Amino acid sequence: MILPGEGGEDSRLFAEQLADIYLKHAKANGIKAERTDTAKQRIRIKLTGEDPLKFFWKERGTHRVQRCPPTEQKGRIHTSILNVALV
């Protein structure tokens, strides 16, 4: 589960991008992955296959990115934070 945190809309965009990366990584490693819930407050991805957590266990915890988001008009750098939970 990916939980956007501080950073407003950019945090949500960061969560969407990270979810896409996880889905591609799962596919590349033979793990079936599908989004099961895309509420505004979270993104859930269901992983099935042989030991799928072995590829993702290091991803749990807090992620932070500092960047000029695509929504920024004035070129300012934003900090966005999200949390990845394995349940």
N, C-alpha and C. Protein backbone atom coordinates (compact mmCIF):
# COMPACT_ATOMS: atom_id res chain seq x y z
N MET A 1 0.85 -1.16 0.00
CA MET A 1 0.00 0.00 0.00
C MET A 1 0.90 1.23 0.00
N ILE A 2 0.58 2.19 -0.84
CA ILE A 2 1.32 3.44 -0.92
C ILE A 2 0.44 4.54 -0.37
N LEU A 3 0.94 5.24 0.63
CA LEU A 3 0.17 6.29 1.30
C LEU A 3 0.83 7.64 1.09
N PRO A 4 0.27 8.49 0.21
CA PRO A 4 0.84 9.82 0.03
C PRO A 4 0.77 10.62 1.33
N GLY A 5 1.76 11.45 1.57
CA GLY A 5 1.80 12.22 2.80
C GLY A 5 2.01 13.68 2.52
N GLU A 6 3.00 14.26 3.18
CA GLU A 6 3.31 15.68 3.00
C GLU A 6 3.67 15.96 1.55
N GLY A 7 3.21 17.08 1.06
CA GLY A 7 3.57 17.48 -0.30
C GLY A 7 2.38 17.73 -1.20
N GLY A 8 1.18 17.54 -0.68
CA GLY A 8 -0.02 17.86 -1.44
C GLY A 8 -0.16 17.06 -2.72
N GLU A 9 -0.53 17.75 -3.79
CA GLU A 9 -0.77 17.10 -5.08
C GLU A 9 0.49 16.44 -5.62
N ASP A 10 1.66 17.03 -5.39
CA ASP A 10 2.88 16.40 -5.88
C ASP A 10 3.14 15.07 -5.19
N SER A 11 2.78 14.96 -3.92
CA SER A 11 2.94 13.70 -3.21
C SER A 11 2.07 12.63 -3.86
N ARG A 12 0.88 13.01 -4.27
CA ARG A 12 -0.03 12.09 -4.97
C ARG A 12 0.57 11.67 -6.32
N LEU A 13 1.14 12.63 -7.05
CA LEU A 13 1.78 12.31 -8.33
C LEU A 13 2.97 11.37 -8.13
N PHE A 14 3.76 11.63 -7.09
CA PHE A 14 4.90 10.78 -6.75
C PHE A 14 4.42 9.36 -6.44
N ALA A 15 3.32 9.23 -5.69
CA ALA A 15 2.76 7.92 -5.36
C ALA A 15 2.33 7.18 -6.62
N GLU A 16 1.70 7.89 -7.56
CA GLU A 16 1.27 7.27 -8.81
C GLU A 16 2.48 6.78 -9.62
N GLN A 17 3.53 7.60 -9.67
CA GLN A 17 4.73 7.21 -10.40
C GLN A 17 5.40 6.00 -9.75
N LEU A 18 5.46 5.98 -8.43
CA LEU A 18 6.06 4.86 -7.73
C LEU A 18 5.24 3.58 -7.94
N ALA A 19 3.92 3.70 -7.94
CA ALA A 19 3.07 2.54 -8.19
C ALA A 19 3.33 1.97 -9.58
N ASP A 20 3.48 2.84 -10.58
CA ASP A 20 3.78 2.37 -11.93
C ASP A 20 5.13 1.65 -11.98
N ILE A 21 6.11 2.17 -11.26
CA ILE A 21 7.43 1.52 -11.19
C ILE A 21 7.30 0.14 -10.56
N TYR A 22 6.55 0.04 -9.46
CA TYR A 22 6.38 -1.25 -8.79
C TYR A 22 5.67 -2.25 -9.70
N LEU A 23 4.66 -1.81 -10.44
CA LEU A 23 3.94 -2.71 -11.34
C LEU A 23 4.87 -3.23 -12.44
N LYS A 24 5.69 -2.37 -13.00
CA LYS A 24 6.65 -2.79 -14.03
C LYS A 24 7.70 -3.73 -13.46
N HIS A 25 8.18 -3.44 -12.25
CA HIS A 25 9.18 -4.29 -11.60
C HIS A 25 8.60 -5.68 -11.33
N ALA A 26 7.36 -5.72 -10.87
CA ALA A 26 6.72 -7.01 -10.60
C ALA A 26 6.60 -7.81 -11.88
N LYS A 27 6.14 -7.18 -12.95
CA LYS A 27 5.99 -7.88 -14.23
C LYS A 27 7.32 -8.41 -14.73
N ALA A 28 8.38 -7.62 -14.58
CA ALA A 28 9.71 -8.03 -15.04
C ALA A 28 10.24 -9.23 -14.26
N ASN A 29 9.73 -9.44 -13.04
CA ASN A 29 10.19 -10.54 -12.20
C ASN A 29 9.17 -11.68 -12.11
N GLY A 30 8.20 -11.69 -13.00
CA GLY A 30 7.24 -12.79 -13.07
C GLY A 30 6.21 -12.80 -11.96
N ILE A 31 5.93 -11.65 -11.38
CA ILE A 31 4.95 -11.55 -10.31
C ILE A 31 3.70 -10.87 -10.86
N LYS A 32 2.55 -11.46 -10.59
CA LYS A 32 1.31 -10.84 -11.03
C LYS A 32 0.99 -9.70 -10.06
N ALA A 33 0.77 -8.52 -10.61
CA ALA A 33 0.47 -7.35 -9.78
C ALA A 33 -0.70 -6.61 -10.38
N GLU A 34 -1.62 -6.19 -9.52
CA GLU A 34 -2.76 -5.41 -9.97
C GLU A 34 -3.16 -4.40 -8.91
N ARG A 35 -3.62 -3.25 -9.38
CA ARG A 35 -4.14 -2.23 -8.46
C ARG A 35 -5.52 -2.68 -8.01
N THR A 36 -5.73 -2.68 -6.71
CA THR A 36 -7.03 -3.10 -6.19
C THR A 36 -7.81 -1.94 -5.60
N ASP A 37 -7.13 -0.85 -5.29
CA ASP A 37 -7.80 0.30 -4.69
C ASP A 37 -6.99 1.54 -5.03
N THR A 38 -7.65 2.55 -5.56
CA THR A 38 -6.95 3.79 -5.88
C THR A 38 -7.73 4.95 -5.28
N ALA A 39 -7.94 4.88 -3.99
CA ALA A 39 -8.60 6.00 -3.30
C ALA A 39 -7.65 7.18 -3.27
N LYS A 40 -8.15 8.36 -3.01
CA LYS A 40 -7.30 9.55 -3.00
C LYS A 40 -6.23 9.46 -1.92
N GLN A 41 -6.50 8.74 -0.83
CA GLN A 41 -5.56 8.67 0.29
C GLN A 41 -4.58 7.51 0.20
N ARG A 42 -4.77 6.58 -0.78
CA ARG A 42 -3.88 5.43 -0.84
C ARG A 42 -3.95 4.75 -2.20
N ILE A 43 -2.92 3.96 -2.47
CA ILE A 43 -2.90 3.10 -3.66
C ILE A 43 -2.55 1.71 -3.18
N ARG A 44 -3.42 0.75 -3.45
CA ARG A 44 -3.16 -0.63 -3.06
C ARG A 44 -2.79 -1.44 -4.30
N ILE A 45 -1.77 -2.28 -4.14
CA ILE A 45 -1.34 -3.17 -5.20
C ILE A 45 -1.31 -4.58 -4.64
N LYS A 46 -2.02 -5.48 -5.30
CA LYS A 46 -2.04 -6.88 -4.87
C LYS A 46 -1.00 -7.65 -5.67
N LEU A 47 -0.11 -8.33 -4.96
CA LEU A 47 0.96 -9.12 -5.57
C LEU A 47 0.67 -10.60 -5.37
N THR A 48 0.74 -11.38 -6.44
CA THR A 48 0.57 -12.83 -6.33
C THR A 48 1.65 -13.51 -7.14
N GLY A 49 2.06 -14.65 -6.66
CA GLY A 49 3.13 -15.40 -7.32
C GLY A 49 3.99 -16.05 -6.26
N GLU A 50 5.13 -16.55 -6.68
CA GLU A 50 6.03 -17.22 -5.77
C GLU A 50 6.88 -16.22 -5.01
N ASP A 51 6.59 -16.05 -3.73
CA ASP A 51 7.32 -15.17 -2.82
C ASP A 51 7.50 -13.74 -3.36
N PRO A 52 6.39 -13.03 -3.63
CA PRO A 52 6.51 -11.70 -4.22
C PRO A 52 7.18 -10.68 -3.30
N LEU A 53 7.08 -10.88 -1.99
CA LEU A 53 7.66 -9.90 -1.07
C LEU A 53 9.18 -9.90 -1.08
N LYS A 54 9.78 -10.95 -1.61
CA LYS A 54 11.25 -10.98 -1.65
C LYS A 54 11.79 -9.88 -2.57
N PHE A 55 10.99 -9.42 -3.52
CA PHE A 55 11.41 -8.34 -4.42
C PHE A 55 11.07 -6.96 -3.88
N PHE A 56 10.19 -6.89 -2.88
CA PHE A 56 9.70 -5.58 -2.43
C PHE A 56 9.95 -5.28 -0.95
N TRP A 57 10.52 -6.19 -0.19
CA TRP A 57 10.63 -5.98 1.26
C TRP A 57 11.47 -4.77 1.61
N LYS A 58 12.44 -4.40 0.79
CA LYS A 58 13.27 -3.23 1.09
C LYS A 58 12.56 -1.91 0.78
N GLU A 59 11.43 -1.98 0.11
CA GLU A 59 10.70 -0.77 -0.26
C GLU A 59 9.81 -0.22 0.86
N ARG A 60 9.59 -1.01 1.88
CA ARG A 60 8.70 -0.55 2.95
C ARG A 60 9.34 0.62 3.70
N GLY A 61 8.47 1.51 4.18
CA GLY A 61 8.96 2.65 4.93
C GLY A 61 8.68 3.97 4.23
N THR A 62 9.37 4.99 4.66
CA THR A 62 9.14 6.34 4.15
C THR A 62 10.03 6.63 2.95
N HIS A 63 9.45 7.25 1.94
CA HIS A 63 10.17 7.68 0.74
C HIS A 63 10.01 9.19 0.62
N ARG A 64 11.09 9.85 0.23
CA ARG A 64 11.05 11.31 0.08
C ARG A 64 11.71 11.69 -1.23
N VAL A 65 11.12 12.64 -1.92
CA VAL A 65 11.69 13.13 -3.17
C VAL A 65 11.68 14.66 -3.14
N GLN A 66 12.76 15.24 -3.64
CA GLN A 66 12.83 16.69 -3.81
C GLN A 66 13.00 16.94 -5.29
N ARG A 67 12.06 17.66 -5.87
CA ARG A 67 12.09 17.89 -7.31
C ARG A 67 11.21 19.08 -7.67
N CYS A 68 11.34 19.49 -8.90
CA CYS A 68 10.45 20.49 -9.46
C CYS A 68 9.33 19.69 -10.13
N PRO A 69 8.16 19.61 -9.50
CA PRO A 69 7.10 18.76 -10.03
C PRO A 69 6.52 19.29 -11.34
N PRO A 70 5.87 18.42 -12.09
CA PRO A 70 5.28 18.85 -13.35
C PRO A 70 4.19 19.91 -13.18
N THR A 71 3.61 20.00 -12.00
CA THR A 71 2.56 20.98 -11.74
C THR A 71 3.11 22.35 -11.34
N GLU A 72 4.41 22.46 -11.13
CA GLU A 72 5.03 23.71 -10.68
C GLU A 72 5.21 24.68 -11.85
N GLN A 73 4.71 25.90 -11.70
CA GLN A 73 4.78 26.91 -12.74
C GLN A 73 6.01 27.80 -12.64
N LYS A 74 6.55 27.96 -11.43
CA LYS A 74 7.63 28.92 -11.20
C LYS A 74 9.01 28.28 -11.01
N GLY A 75 9.12 26.98 -11.20
CA GLY A 75 10.41 26.31 -11.11
C GLY A 75 10.91 26.06 -9.70
N ARG A 76 10.03 26.13 -8.72
CA ARG A 76 10.44 25.90 -7.33
C ARG A 76 10.55 24.40 -7.06
N ILE A 77 11.44 24.07 -6.15
CA ILE A 77 11.63 22.67 -5.76
C ILE A 77 10.70 22.36 -4.59
N HIS A 78 10.02 21.23 -4.67
CA HIS A 78 9.10 20.78 -3.63
C HIS A 78 9.63 19.49 -3.01
N THR A 79 9.28 19.26 -1.77
CA THR A 79 9.60 18.01 -1.09
C THR A 79 8.30 17.25 -0.88
N SER A 80 8.27 16.01 -1.33
CA SER A 80 7.10 15.16 -1.16
C SER A 80 7.48 13.90 -0.42
N ILE A 81 6.58 13.47 0.46
CA ILE A 81 6.84 12.31 1.30
C ILE A 81 5.69 11.33 1.14
N LEU A 82 6.00 10.04 1.12
CA LEU A 82 4.97 9.01 1.16
C LEU A 82 5.47 7.82 1.94
N ASN A 83 4.56 6.94 2.27
CA ASN A 83 4.90 5.75 3.05
C ASN A 83 4.46 4.52 2.28
N VAL A 84 5.32 3.50 2.26
CA VAL A 84 5.00 2.23 1.62
C VAL A 84 4.84 1.20 2.74
N ALA A 85 3.67 0.58 2.78
CA ALA A 85 3.36 -0.43 3.79
C ALA A 85 3.13 -1.77 3.10
N LEU A 86 3.72 -2.83 3.61
CA LEU A 86 3.48 -4.17 3.09
C LEU A 86 2.56 -4.88 4.07
N VAL A 87 1.38 -5.23 3.60
CA VAL A 87 0.40 -5.89 4.47
C VAL A 87 -0.09 -7.16 3.84
